């Protein structure tokens, strides 16, 4: 019997891909963690970065910051230029789950907040991104989670009924927004917990032992 929830939709960063700007900036700040943290809190911070996830070009974004923080110009430019050095690697346990879902014939999709300019770094590096039948990146959509419109656009674009989709994200606010549009939303904490949840939903085989 086909399970009610028959489509798996993954967030990328924090679920399948470990991304951390500190991996780059520890090198640039030469081990001065306090200075690095100040920079990531007051210059290239989350509110700045999410605007690129929403489609703002990095050329514009960096120019705005450099006009205010000229002393950090090189550090600011490093964000898009050396973005690949922020990609720590795959989250192995989740990639294994993705492979098992693929082997079982579960349709796989991704919905992620990511700049359209830096996303190609991930495509070049992570082979498993080719396993998805469809991917919607916020920078292309010019919408960011948790805006419900990006979930609706995803479903329309890929002809996915919300009630059939299991959506997996490490950010609680994004999980709550997915649930509001009718998806079965899973707050990702770690691969073993995700495996248990997907087994309960019938998308993975029940664990042995």
C-alpha atoms as a PDB file:
ATOM      1  CA  UNK A   1       0.000   0.000   0.000  1.00  0.00           C
ATOM      2  CA  UNK A   2       1.373   3.392  -0.993  1.00  0.00           C
ATOM      3  CA  UNK A   3       1.973   5.576   2.086  1.00  0.00           C
ATOM      4  CA  UNK A   4      -0.089   8.743   2.426  1.00  0.00           C
ATOM      5  CA  UNK A   5       3.089  10.780   2.554  1.00  0.00           C
ATOM      6  CA  UNK A   6       4.901   9.694  -0.585  1.00  0.00           C
ATOM      7  CA  UNK A   7       7.221  12.595  -1.478  1.00  0.00           C
ATOM      8  CA  UNK A   8      10.295  13.738   0.483  1.00  0.00           C
ATOM      9  CA  UNK A   9      11.306  17.407   0.380  1.00  0.00           C
ATOM     10  CA  UNK A  10      14.641  18.344   1.951  1.00  0.00           C
ATOM     11  CA  UNK A  11      16.148  21.579   3.101  1.00  0.00           C
ATOM     12  CA  UNK A  12      19.865  21.563   2.214  1.00  0.00           C
ATOM     13  CA  UNK A  13      22.014  23.587   4.620  1.00  0.00           C
ATOM     14  CA  UNK A  14      21.949  22.085   8.099  1.00  0.00           C
ATOM     15  CA  UNK A  15      20.192  18.927   6.899  1.00  0.00           C
ATOM     16  CA  UNK A  16      22.252  17.493   4.044  1.00  0.00           C
ATOM     17  CA  UNK A  17      25.117  19.999   3.842  1.00  0.00           C
ATOM     18  CA  UNK A  18      27.128  21.313   6.773  1.00  0.00           C
ATOM     19  CA  UNK A  19      27.717  25.013   6.047  1.00  0.00           C
ATOM     20  CA  UNK A  20      29.614  27.324   8.381  1.00  0.00           C
ATOM     21  CA  UNK A  21      31.179  30.691   7.485  1.00  0.00           C
ATOM     22  CA  UNK A  22      33.540  30.235  10.409  1.00  0.00           C
ATOM     23  CA  UNK A  23      35.410  27.590   8.468  1.00  0.00           C
ATOM     24  CA  UNK A  24      36.547  30.360   6.092  1.00  0.00           C
ATOM     25  CA  UNK A  25      36.801  33.272   8.486  1.00  0.00           C
ATOM     26  CA  UNK A  26      38.902  31.468  11.084  1.00  0.00           C
ATOM     27  CA  UNK A  27      41.592  31.386   8.416  1.00  0.00           C
ATOM     28  CA  UNK A  28      41.111  35.020   7.459  1.00  0.00           C
ATOM     29  CA  UNK A  29      41.137  36.233  11.060  1.00  0.00           C
ATOM     30  CA  UNK A  30      44.163  34.016  11.780  1.00  0.00           C
ATOM     31  CA  UNK A  31      42.684  32.426  14.872  1.00  0.00           C
ATOM     32  CA  UNK A  32      41.313  35.611  16.467  1.00  0.00           C
ATOM     33  CA  UNK A  33      37.915  34.118  17.236  1.00  0.00           C
ATOM     34  CA  UNK A  34      36.643  37.168  19.111  1.00  0.00           C
ATOM     35  CA  UNK A  35      37.277  39.432  16.113  1.00  0.00           C
ATOM     36  CA  UNK A  36      35.738  36.864  13.795  1.00  0.00           C
ATOM     37  CA  UNK A  37      32.578  36.627  15.876  1.00  0.00           C
ATOM     38  CA  UNK A  38      32.245  40.423  15.975  1.00  0.00           C
ATOM     39  CA  UNK A  39      32.543  40.517  12.187  1.00  0.00           C
ATOM     40  CA  UNK A  40      29.911  37.813  11.716  1.00  0.00           C
ATOM     41  CA  UNK A  41      27.592  39.552  14.165  1.00  0.00           C
ATOM     42  CA  UNK A  42      27.960  43.144  12.967  1.00  0.00           C
ATOM     43  CA  UNK A  43      29.130  43.024   9.337  1.00  0.00           C
ATOM     44  CA  UNK A  44      28.429  39.857   7.315  1.00  0.00           C
ATOM     45  CA  UNK A  45      25.602  38.785   9.584  1.00  0.00           C
ATOM     46  CA  UNK A  46      22.481  36.694   9.077  1.00  0.00           C
ATOM     47  CA  UNK A  47      20.193  39.582   8.189  1.00  0.00           C
ATOM     48  CA  UNK A  48      22.660  40.682   5.505  1.00  0.00           C
ATOM     49  CA  UNK A  49      23.116  37.193   4.092  1.00  0.00           C
ATOM     50  CA  UNK A  50      19.394  36.381   3.941  1.00  0.00           C
ATOM     51  CA  UNK A  51      18.938  39.247   1.492  1.00  0.00           C
ATOM     52  CA  UNK A  52      21.191  37.422  -0.963  1.00  0.00           C
ATOM     53  CA  UNK A  53      19.154  34.284  -0.333  1.00  0.00           C
ATOM     54  CA  UNK A  54      16.177  36.421  -1.416  1.00  0.00           C
ATOM     55  CA  UNK A  55      17.868  37.314  -4.680  1.00  0.00           C
ATOM     56  CA  UNK A  56      19.955  40.428  -4.017  1.00  0.00           C
ATOM     57  CA  UNK A  57      23.189  40.315  -6.078  1.00  0.00           C
ATOM     58  CA  UNK A  58      26.393  39.984  -4.078  1.00  0.00           C
ATOM     59  CA  UNK A  59      27.950  42.888  -5.979  1.00  0.00           C
ATOM     60  CA  UNK A  60      25.285  45.170  -4.534  1.00  0.00           C
ATOM     61  CA  UNK A  61      25.332  43.527  -1.118  1.00  0.00           C
ATOM     62  CA  UNK A  62      29.106  43.814  -0.733  1.00  0.00           C
ATOM     63  CA  UNK A  63      29.137  47.408  -1.969  1.00  0.00           C
ATOM     64  CA  UNK A  64      26.599  48.390   0.685  1.00  0.00           C
ATOM     65  CA  UNK A  65      28.689  46.829   3.457  1.00  0.00           C
ATOM     66  CA  UNK A  66      31.995  48.220   2.205  1.00  0.00           C
ATOM     67  CA  UNK A  67      30.549  51.734   2.226  1.00  0.00           C
ATOM     68  CA  UNK A  68      29.973  51.288   5.962  1.00  0.00           C
ATOM     69  CA  UNK A  69      32.890  49.023   6.854  1.00  0.00           C
ATOM     70  CA  UNK A  70      35.711  49.996   4.497  1.00  0.00           C
ATOM     71  CA  UNK A  71      38.302  48.521   6.861  1.00  0.00           C
ATOM     72  CA  UNK A  72      36.742  45.078   6.277  1.00  0.00           C
ATOM     73  CA  UNK A  73      36.508  45.324   2.474  1.00  0.00           C
ATOM     74  CA  UNK A  74      38.639  42.247   1.776  1.00  0.00           C
ATOM     75  CA  UNK A  75      36.776  40.196   4.378  1.00  0.00           C
ATOM     76  CA  UNK A  76      33.427  41.204   2.875  1.00  0.00           C
ATOM     77  CA  UNK A  77      34.486  40.349  -0.673  1.00  0.00           C
ATOM     78  CA  UNK A  78      35.714  36.960   0.532  1.00  0.00           C
ATOM     79  CA  UNK A  79      32.153  35.839   1.308  1.00  0.00           C
ATOM     80  CA  UNK A  80      31.042  35.249  -2.304  1.00  0.00           C
ATOM     81  CA  UNK A  81      34.561  34.802  -3.707  1.00  0.00           C
ATOM     82  CA  UNK A  82      35.552  32.010  -1.302  1.00  0.00           C
ATOM     83  CA  UNK A  83      32.108  30.671  -0.448  1.00  0.00           C
ATOM     84  CA  UNK A  84      33.157  27.114  -1.278  1.00  0.00           C
ATOM     85  CA  UNK A  85      35.466  27.205   1.763  1.00  0.00           C
ATOM     86  CA  UNK A  86      32.387  27.601   3.989  1.00  0.00           C
ATOM     87  CA  UNK A  87      31.028  24.248   2.810  1.00  0.00           C
ATOM     88  CA  UNK A  88      32.231  21.921   5.542  1.00  0.00           C
ATOM     89  CA  UNK A  89      30.919  18.770   3.858  1.00  0.00           C
ATOM     90  CA  UNK A  90      27.933  16.450   3.612  1.00  0.00           C
ATOM     91  CA  UNK A  91      25.988  15.430   6.707  1.00  0.00           C
ATOM     92  CA  UNK A  92      26.744  11.775   6.164  1.00  0.00           C
ATOM     93  CA  UNK A  93      23.882  10.183   8.066  1.00  0.00           C
ATOM     94  CA  UNK A  94      21.287  12.225   6.220  1.00  0.00           C
ATOM     95  CA  UNK A  95      22.873  11.560   2.838  1.00  0.00           C
ATOM     96  CA  UNK A  96      22.613   7.827   3.643  1.00  0.00           C
ATOM     97  CA  UNK A  97      18.903   8.302   4.336  1.00  0.00           C
ATOM     98  CA  UNK A  98      18.553  10.181   1.046  1.00  0.00           C
ATOM     99  CA  UNK A  99      20.237   7.286  -0.763  1.00  0.00           C
ATOM    100  CA  UNK A 100      17.865   4.786   0.848  1.00  0.00           C
ATOM    101  CA  UNK A 101      14.825   6.835  -0.118  1.00  0.00           C
ATOM    102  CA  UNK A 102      16.154   7.016  -3.661  1.00  0.00           C
ATOM    103  CA  UNK A 103      16.673   3.248  -3.756  1.00  0.00           C
ATOM    104  CA  UNK A 104      13.075   2.755  -2.591  1.00  0.00           C
ATOM    105  CA  UNK A 105      11.799   4.951  -5.420  1.00  0.00           C
ATOM    106  CA  UNK A 106      10.596   7.816  -3.229  1.00  0.00           C
ATOM    107  CA  UNK A 107      10.397  11.059  -5.255  1.00  0.00           C
ATOM    108  CA  UNK A 108      13.008  13.463  -3.875  1.00  0.00           C
ATOM    109  CA  UNK A 109      12.901  17.257  -3.945  1.00  0.00           C
ATOM    110  CA  UNK A 110      14.755  20.119  -2.278  1.00  0.00           C
ATOM    111  CA  UNK A 111      13.605  23.537  -1.103  1.00  0.00           C
ATOM    112  CA  UNK A 112      16.379  25.693   0.293  1.00  0.00           C
ATOM    113  CA  UNK A 113      17.248  29.247   1.238  1.00  0.00           C
ATOM    114  CA  UNK A 114      20.394  29.796  -0.823  1.00  0.00           C
ATOM    115  CA  UNK A 115      21.812  32.526  -3.030  1.00  0.00           C
ATOM    116  CA  UNK A 116      21.549  31.732  -6.728  1.00  0.00           C
ATOM    117  CA  UNK A 117      25.138  32.965  -7.092  1.00  0.00           C
ATOM    118  CA  UNK A 118      26.705  30.646  -4.519  1.00  0.00           C
ATOM    119  CA  UNK A 119      24.506  27.578  -4.989  1.00  0.00           C
ATOM    120  CA  UNK A 120      26.606  26.395  -7.989  1.00  0.00           C
ATOM    121  CA  UNK A 121      29.507  25.799  -5.569  1.00  0.00           C
ATOM    122  CA  UNK A 122      27.367  23.148  -3.876  1.00  0.00           C
ATOM    123  CA  UNK A 123      26.250  21.591  -7.169  1.00  0.00           C
ATOM    124  CA  UNK A 124      29.869  21.233  -8.234  1.00  0.00           C
ATOM    125  CA  UNK A 125      30.887  19.593  -4.987  1.00  0.00           C
ATOM    126  CA  UNK A 126      27.981  17.358  -3.915  1.00  0.00           C
ATOM    127  CA  UNK A 127      26.998  14.586  -6.314  1.00  0.00           C
ATOM    128  CA  UNK A 128      23.828  13.769  -4.365  1.00  0.00           C
ATOM    129  CA  UNK A 129      22.247  17.046  -5.487  1.00  0.00           C
ATOM    130  CA  UNK A 130      21.743  15.319  -8.831  1.00  0.00           C
ATOM    131  CA  UNK A 131      19.417  12.792  -7.181  1.00  0.00           C
ATOM    132  CA  UNK A 132      16.587  15.290  -6.781  1.00  0.00           C
ATOM    133  CA  UNK A 133      13.750  15.371  -9.268  1.00  0.00           C
ATOM    134  CA  UNK A 134      13.326  19.063  -8.595  1.00  0.00           C
ATOM    135  CA  UNK A 135      15.039  21.800  -6.568  1.00  0.00           C
ATOM    136  CA  UNK A 136      13.769  25.269  -5.728  1.00  0.00           C
ATOM    137  CA  UNK A 137      16.395  27.724  -4.503  1.00  0.00           C
ATOM    138  CA  UNK A 138      15.193  30.886  -2.798  1.00  0.00           C
ATOM    139  CA  UNK A 139      17.635  33.115  -4.679  1.00  0.00           C
ATOM    140  CA  UNK A 140      16.045  32.043  -7.946  1.00  0.00           C
ATOM    141  CA  UNK A 141      12.493  32.322  -6.608  1.00  0.00           C
ATOM    142  CA  UNK A 142      13.288  35.681  -4.947  1.00  0.00           C
ATOM    143  CA  UNK A 143      11.365  34.469  -1.918  1.00  0.00           C
ATOM    144  CA  UNK A 144      12.761  33.071   1.316  1.00  0.00           C
ATOM    145  CA  UNK A 145      11.441  30.647   3.889  1.00  0.00           C
ATOM    146  CA  UNK A 146       9.407  30.950   6.058  1.00  0.00           C
ATOM    147  CA  UNK A 147       7.338  33.004   3.572  1.00  0.00           C
ATOM    148  CA  UNK A 148       4.459  30.644   2.757  1.00  0.00           C
ATOM    149  CA  UNK A 149       4.593  31.773  -0.870  1.00  0.00           C
ATOM    150  CA  UNK A 150       7.819  29.873  -1.487  1.00  0.00           C
ATOM    151  CA  UNK A 151       6.207  26.623  -0.311  1.00  0.00           C
ATOM    152  CA  UNK A 152       3.212  27.273  -2.533  1.00  0.00           C
ATOM    153  CA  UNK A 153       5.482  28.095  -5.473  1.00  0.00           C
ATOM    154  CA  UNK A 154       7.441  24.889  -4.876  1.00  0.00           C
ATOM    155  CA  UNK A 155       4.278  22.776  -4.916  1.00  0.00           C
ATOM    156  CA  UNK A 156       2.948  24.488  -8.030  1.00  0.00           C
ATOM    157  CA  UNK A 157       6.255  24.297  -9.884  1.00  0.00           C
ATOM    158  CA  UNK A 158       6.815  20.608  -9.183  1.00  0.00           C
ATOM    159  CA  UNK A 159       3.173  19.481  -9.150  1.00  0.00           C
ATOM    160  CA  UNK A 160       3.429  18.231  -5.571  1.00  0.00           C
ATOM    161  CA  UNK A 161       0.321  17.984  -3.417  1.00  0.00           C
ATOM    162  CA  UNK A 162       1.213  19.430   0.017  1.00  0.00           C
ATOM    163  CA  UNK A 163      -0.556  16.596   1.796  1.00  0.00           C
ATOM    164  CA  UNK A 164       1.703  14.026   0.118  1.00  0.00           C
ATOM    165  CA  UNK A 165       4.927  15.793   1.043  1.00  0.00           C
ATOM    166  CA  UNK A 166       7.190  15.222   4.020  1.00  0.00           C
ATOM    167  CA  UNK A 167       9.221  18.392   4.478  1.00  0.00           C
ATOM    168  CA  UNK A 168      12.486  18.250   6.475  1.00  0.00           C
ATOM    169  CA  UNK A 169      14.213  21.388   7.805  1.00  0.00           C
ATOM    170  CA  UNK A 170      16.508  22.249  10.711  1.00  0.00           C
ATOM    171  CA  UNK A 171      14.855  25.642  11.331  1.00  0.00           C
ATOM    172  CA  UNK A 172      11.715  25.475  13.448  1.00  0.00           C
ATOM    173  CA  UNK A 173      10.119  28.532  11.832  1.00  0.00           C
ATOM    174  CA  UNK A 174      10.479  26.930   8.397  1.00  0.00           C
ATOM    175  CA  UNK A 175       8.964  23.692   9.658  1.00  0.00           C
ATOM    176  CA  UNK A 176       5.989  25.554  11.099  1.00  0.00           C
ATOM    177  CA  UNK A 177       5.440  27.400   7.803  1.00  0.00           C
ATOM    178  CA  UNK A 178       5.530  24.138   5.843  1.00  0.00           C
ATOM    179  CA  UNK A 179       2.924  22.665   8.179  1.00  0.00           C
ATOM    180  CA  UNK A 180       0.692  25.688   7.610  1.00  0.00           C
ATOM    181  CA  UNK A 181       0.534  24.959   3.873  1.00  0.00           C
ATOM    182  CA  UNK A 182      -0.396  21.327   4.552  1.00  0.00           C
ATOM    183  CA  UNK A 183       2.923  19.470   4.432  1.00  0.00           C
ATOM    184  CA  UNK A 184       3.908  16.883   7.025  1.00  0.00           C
ATOM    185  CA  UNK A 185       6.757  18.922   8.498  1.00  0.00           C
ATOM    186  CA  UNK A 186       9.694  17.363  10.340  1.00  0.00           C
ATOM    187  CA  UNK A 187      12.070  19.423  12.482  1.00  0.00           C
ATOM    188  CA  UNK A 188      15.488  17.920  11.762  1.00  0.00           C
ATOM    189  CA  UNK A 189      17.723  17.374  14.781  1.00  0.00           C
ATOM    190  CA  UNK A 190      19.936  14.472  13.737  1.00  0.00           C
ATOM    191  CA  UNK A 191      19.924  11.577  11.240  1.00  0.00           C
ATOM    192  CA  UNK A 192      18.796   8.844  13.692  1.00  0.00           C
ATOM    193  CA  UNK A 193      15.707  10.840  14.710  1.00  0.00           C
ATOM    194  CA  UNK A 194      14.908  11.551  11.068  1.00  0.00           C
ATOM    195  CA  UNK A 195      15.256   7.865  10.227  1.00  0.00           C
ATOM    196  CA  UNK A 196      12.795   6.942  12.972  1.00  0.00           C
ATOM    197  CA  UNK A 197      10.273   9.511  11.758  1.00  0.00           C
ATOM    198  CA  UNK A 198      10.511   8.412   8.125  1.00  0.00           C
ATOM    199  CA  UNK A 199      10.131   4.773   9.163  1.00  0.00           C
ATOM    200  CA  UNK A 200       6.949   5.638  11.089  1.00  0.00           C
ATOM    201  CA  UNK A 201       5.617   7.340   7.951  1.00  0.00           C
ATOM    202  CA  UNK A 202       6.381   4.275   5.845  1.00  0.00           C
ATOM    203  CA  UNK A 203       9.022   5.924   3.669  1.00  0.00           C
ATOM    204  CA  UNK A 204      11.863   3.858   5.114  1.00  0.00           C
ATOM    205  CA  UNK A 205      11.955   0.296   6.344  1.00  0.00           C
ATOM    206  CA  UNK A 206      11.466  -0.109  10.080  1.00  0.00           C
ATOM    207  CA  UNK A 207      14.703  -0.276  11.995  1.00  0.00           C
ATOM    208  CA  UNK A 208      15.996  -3.677  12.963  1.00  0.00           C
ATOM    209  CA  UNK A 209      16.950  -4.681  16.433  1.00  0.00           C
END
